[in-house]
Amino acid sequence: MSTHAYTPWGRVTIYLTCIARACACACAVQSEPYLMIKKKKEDDDVFKGNDRYEGYCADLAENIAKTLRQTYGIPFNYELRLVADNAYGARQDNGTWNGMIGELTTNVRTRVCFASFNGP
């Protein structure tokens, strides 16, 4: 299942698969203003978990989880993390995929990806 959200910066596509799991890993690509690592101020505590991130995709992930829990009673919890290679996904010479697509196809825990898709 996928849905689109339109922002002043471009279209964002949200792919949701197997959302009924108790906890899913949500991968993302760091790209301003969609997803950024929060900058720590001197008097702030260290950010942990999903609080480490800010931006449109972080807000969208939290709102989707909140809506699923409160409106539909689906106990959807997620762990947002950046893809190691910060790539959307491209097919490699050996037939595997890197980036978010690789996370979805090879990582058993990754169930959701949040990213911007700019262009026509």
C-alpha atoms as a PDB file:
ATOM      1  CA  MET A   1       0.000   0.000   0.000  1.00  0.00           C
ATOM      2  CA  SER A   2       1.306   3.475  -0.712  1.00  0.00           C
ATOM      3  CA  THR A   3       0.049   6.993  -0.319  1.00  0.00           C
ATOM      4  CA  HIS A   4       1.352  10.370  -1.415  1.00  0.00           C
ATOM      5  CA  ALA A   5       1.659  13.661   0.402  1.00  0.00           C
ATOM      6  CA  TYR A   6       2.437  16.868  -1.427  1.00  0.00           C
ATOM      7  CA  THR A   7       4.631  19.528   0.127  1.00  0.00           C
ATOM      8  CA  PRO A   8       6.079  22.816  -1.119  1.00  0.00           C
ATOM      9  CA  TRP A   9       9.347  20.919  -1.710  1.00  0.00           C
ATOM     10  CA  GLY A  10       7.930  18.034  -3.750  1.00  0.00           C
ATOM     11  CA  ARG A  11       5.911  14.870  -3.519  1.00  0.00           C
ATOM     12  CA  VAL A  12       6.517  12.433  -0.672  1.00  0.00           C
ATOM     13  CA  THR A  13       5.552   8.801  -1.179  1.00  0.00           C
ATOM     14  CA  ILE A  14       4.871   6.642   1.846  1.00  0.00           C
ATOM     15  CA  TYR A  15       5.029   2.888   1.411  1.00  0.00           C
ATOM     16  CA  LEU A  16       3.419   0.850   4.173  1.00  0.00           C
ATOM     17  CA  THR A  17       3.769  -2.921   4.325  1.00  0.00           C
ATOM     18  CA  CYS A  18       2.880  -5.301   7.120  1.00  0.00           C
ATOM     19  CA  ILE A  19       1.866  -2.438   9.403  1.00  0.00           C
ATOM     20  CA  ALA A  20       0.090  -4.736  11.853  1.00  0.00           C
ATOM     21  CA  ARG A  21       3.388  -5.823  13.442  1.00  0.00           C
ATOM     22  CA  ALA A  22       3.965  -4.696  17.008  1.00  0.00           C
ATOM     23  CA  CYS A  23       7.212  -2.931  16.104  1.00  0.00           C
ATOM     24  CA  ALA A  24       8.576  -2.183  12.677  1.00  0.00           C
ATOM     25  CA  CYS A  25      11.808  -0.692  11.550  1.00  0.00           C
ATOM     26  CA  ALA A  26      11.300   2.383   9.392  1.00  0.00           C
ATOM     27  CA  CYS A  27      14.225   3.341   7.215  1.00  0.00           C
ATOM     28  CA  ALA A  28      14.821   6.744   5.718  1.00  0.00           C
ATOM     29  CA  VAL A  29      17.286   8.815   3.743  1.00  0.00           C
ATOM     30  CA  GLN A  30      18.594  12.002   5.319  1.00  0.00           C
ATOM     31  CA  SER A  31      17.510  14.901   3.112  1.00  0.00           C
ATOM     32  CA  GLU A  32      16.578  18.410   4.254  1.00  0.00           C
ATOM     33  CA  PRO A  33      13.829  19.391   4.987  1.00  0.00           C
ATOM     34  CA  TYR A  34      12.335  15.895   4.965  1.00  0.00           C
ATOM     35  CA  LEU A  35      14.585  14.226   7.516  1.00  0.00           C
ATOM     36  CA  MET A  36      17.418  15.702   9.536  1.00  0.00           C
ATOM     37  CA  ILE A  37      19.326  14.767  12.653  1.00  0.00           C
ATOM     38  CA  LYS A  38      18.465  17.193  15.454  1.00  0.00           C
ATOM     39  CA  LYS A  39      21.269  19.477  16.494  1.00  0.00           C
ATOM     40  CA  LYS A  40      22.025  19.291  20.196  1.00  0.00           C
ATOM     41  CA  LYS A  41      22.135  22.554  22.100  1.00  0.00           C
ATOM     42  CA  GLU A  42      24.426  22.916  25.090  1.00  0.00           C
ATOM     43  CA  ASP A  43      21.685  22.588  27.697  1.00  0.00           C
ATOM     44  CA  ASP A  44      19.761  19.791  25.917  1.00  0.00           C
ATOM     45  CA  ASP A  45      19.854  16.147  26.916  1.00  0.00           C
ATOM     46  CA  VAL A  46      21.105  13.647  24.368  1.00  0.00           C
ATOM     47  CA  PHE A  47      18.357  12.725  21.907  1.00  0.00           C
ATOM     48  CA  LYS A  48      17.454   9.035  21.794  1.00  0.00           C
ATOM     49  CA  GLY A  49      15.295   6.818  19.596  1.00  0.00           C
ATOM     50  CA  ASN A  50      12.955   8.550  17.186  1.00  0.00           C
ATOM     51  CA  ASP A  51      13.530  11.861  18.980  1.00  0.00           C
ATOM     52  CA  ARG A  52      16.933  12.061  17.243  1.00  0.00           C
ATOM     53  CA  TYR A  53      15.232  13.134  14.013  1.00  0.00           C
ATOM     54  CA  GLU A  54      13.199  16.087  12.825  1.00  0.00           C
ATOM     55  CA  GLY A  55      11.588  17.138   9.585  1.00  0.00           C
ATOM     56  CA  TYR A  56       8.571  16.292   7.478  1.00  0.00           C
ATOM     57  CA  CYS A  57       9.184  12.513   7.303  1.00  0.00           C
ATOM     58  CA  ALA A  58       9.789  12.255  11.056  1.00  0.00           C
ATOM     59  CA  ASP A  59       6.542  14.140  11.743  1.00  0.00           C
ATOM     60  CA  LEU A  60       4.677  12.080   9.171  1.00  0.00           C
ATOM     61  CA  ALA A  61       5.918   8.783  10.658  1.00  0.00           C
ATOM     62  CA  GLU A  62       4.810   9.837  14.133  1.00  0.00           C
ATOM     63  CA  ASN A  63       1.401  10.993  12.905  1.00  0.00           C
ATOM     64  CA  ILE A  64       0.805   7.744  10.995  1.00  0.00           C
ATOM     65  CA  ALA A  65       1.736   5.681  14.061  1.00  0.00           C
ATOM     66  CA  LYS A  66      -0.450   7.829  16.312  1.00  0.00           C
ATOM     67  CA  THR A  67      -3.428   7.576  13.934  1.00  0.00           C
ATOM     68  CA  LEU A  68      -3.088   3.805  13.599  1.00  0.00           C
ATOM     69  CA  ARG A  69      -2.948   3.415  17.388  1.00  0.00           C
ATOM     70  CA  GLN A  70      -5.700   5.864  18.341  1.00  0.00           C
ATOM     71  CA  THR A  71      -8.137   5.627  15.441  1.00  0.00           C
ATOM     72  CA  TYR A  72      -7.790   2.031  14.295  1.00  0.00           C
ATOM     73  CA  GLY A  73      -6.480   0.308  17.418  1.00  0.00           C
ATOM     74  CA  ILE A  74      -3.436  -1.041  15.581  1.00  0.00           C
ATOM     75  CA  PRO A  75      -0.486  -1.227  17.994  1.00  0.00           C
ATOM     76  CA  PHE A  76       1.968   0.241  15.495  1.00  0.00           C
ATOM     77  CA  ASN A  77       5.315   1.245  16.954  1.00  0.00           C
ATOM     78  CA  TYR A  78       8.346   1.994  14.860  1.00  0.00           C
ATOM     79  CA  GLU A  79      12.055   2.612  15.108  1.00  0.00           C
ATOM     80  CA  LEU A  80      13.180   5.271  12.652  1.00  0.00           C
ATOM     81  CA  ARG A  81      16.749   4.908  11.416  1.00  0.00           C
ATOM     82  CA  LEU A  82      18.840   6.113   8.535  1.00  0.00           C
ATOM     83  CA  VAL A  83      19.870   3.772   5.742  1.00  0.00           C
ATOM     84  CA  ALA A  84      23.608   3.072   6.085  1.00  0.00           C
ATOM     85  CA  ASP A  85      24.479   4.203   2.554  1.00  0.00           C
ATOM     86  CA  ASN A  86      21.911   7.070   2.497  1.00  0.00           C
ATOM     87  CA  ALA A  87      20.647   5.828  -0.879  1.00  0.00           C
ATOM     88  CA  TYR A  88      17.129   5.357  -2.188  1.00  0.00           C
ATOM     89  CA  GLY A  89      18.025   2.078  -3.881  1.00  0.00           C
ATOM     90  CA  ALA A  90      19.677   0.861  -7.050  1.00  0.00           C
ATOM     91  CA  ARG A  91      20.136  -2.610  -8.433  1.00  0.00           C
ATOM     92  CA  GLN A  92      23.701  -3.828  -8.008  1.00  0.00           C
ATOM     93  CA  ASP A  93      25.734  -5.914 -10.476  1.00  0.00           C
ATOM     94  CA  ASN A  94      25.135  -9.034  -8.382  1.00  0.00           C
ATOM     95  CA  GLY A  95      21.347  -8.578  -8.556  1.00  0.00           C
ATOM     96  CA  THR A  96      20.833  -7.266  -5.028  1.00  0.00           C
ATOM     97  CA  TRP A  97      19.646  -3.787  -4.125  1.00  0.00           C
ATOM     98  CA  ASN A  98      21.233  -1.128  -1.947  1.00  0.00           C
ATOM     99  CA  GLY A  99      19.586   1.739  -0.068  1.00  0.00           C
ATOM    100  CA  MET A 100      16.014   1.672   1.175  1.00  0.00           C
ATOM    101  CA  ILE A 101      14.946  -0.895  -1.417  1.00  0.00           C
ATOM    102  CA  GLY A 102      17.722  -3.188  -0.185  1.00  0.00           C
ATOM    103  CA  GLU A 103      16.523  -2.692   3.386  1.00  0.00           C
ATOM    104  CA  LEU A 104      12.996  -3.693   2.412  1.00  0.00           C
ATOM    105  CA  THR A 105      14.104  -6.770   0.468  1.00  0.00           C
ATOM    106  CA  THR A 106      16.787  -8.134   2.810  1.00  0.00           C
ATOM    107  CA  ASN A 107      16.117  -6.843   6.319  1.00  0.00           C
ATOM    108  CA  VAL A 108      13.355  -8.818   8.028  1.00  0.00           C
ATOM    109  CA  ARG A 109      12.537  -5.973  10.446  1.00  0.00           C
ATOM    110  CA  THR A 110      12.317  -3.145   7.895  1.00  0.00           C
ATOM    111  CA  ARG A 111       8.676  -2.656   6.981  1.00  0.00           C
ATOM    112  CA  VAL A 112       8.305   1.041   6.193  1.00  0.00           C
ATOM    113  CA  CYS A 113      10.356   3.590   4.248  1.00  0.00           C
ATOM    114  CA  PHE A 114      10.010   7.357   4.404  1.00  0.00           C
ATOM    115  CA  ALA A 115      11.648   9.506   1.743  1.00  0.00           C
ATOM    116  CA  SER A 116      11.143  12.379  -0.628  1.00  0.00           C
ATOM    117  CA  PHE A 117      10.687  11.724  -4.313  1.00  0.00           C
ATOM    118  CA  ASN A 118      11.386  14.904  -6.210  1.00  0.00           C
ATOM    119  CA  GLY A 119      10.645  15.329  -9.847  1.00  0.00           C
ATOM    120  CA  PRO A 120       7.739  15.178 -12.267  1.00  0.00           C
END
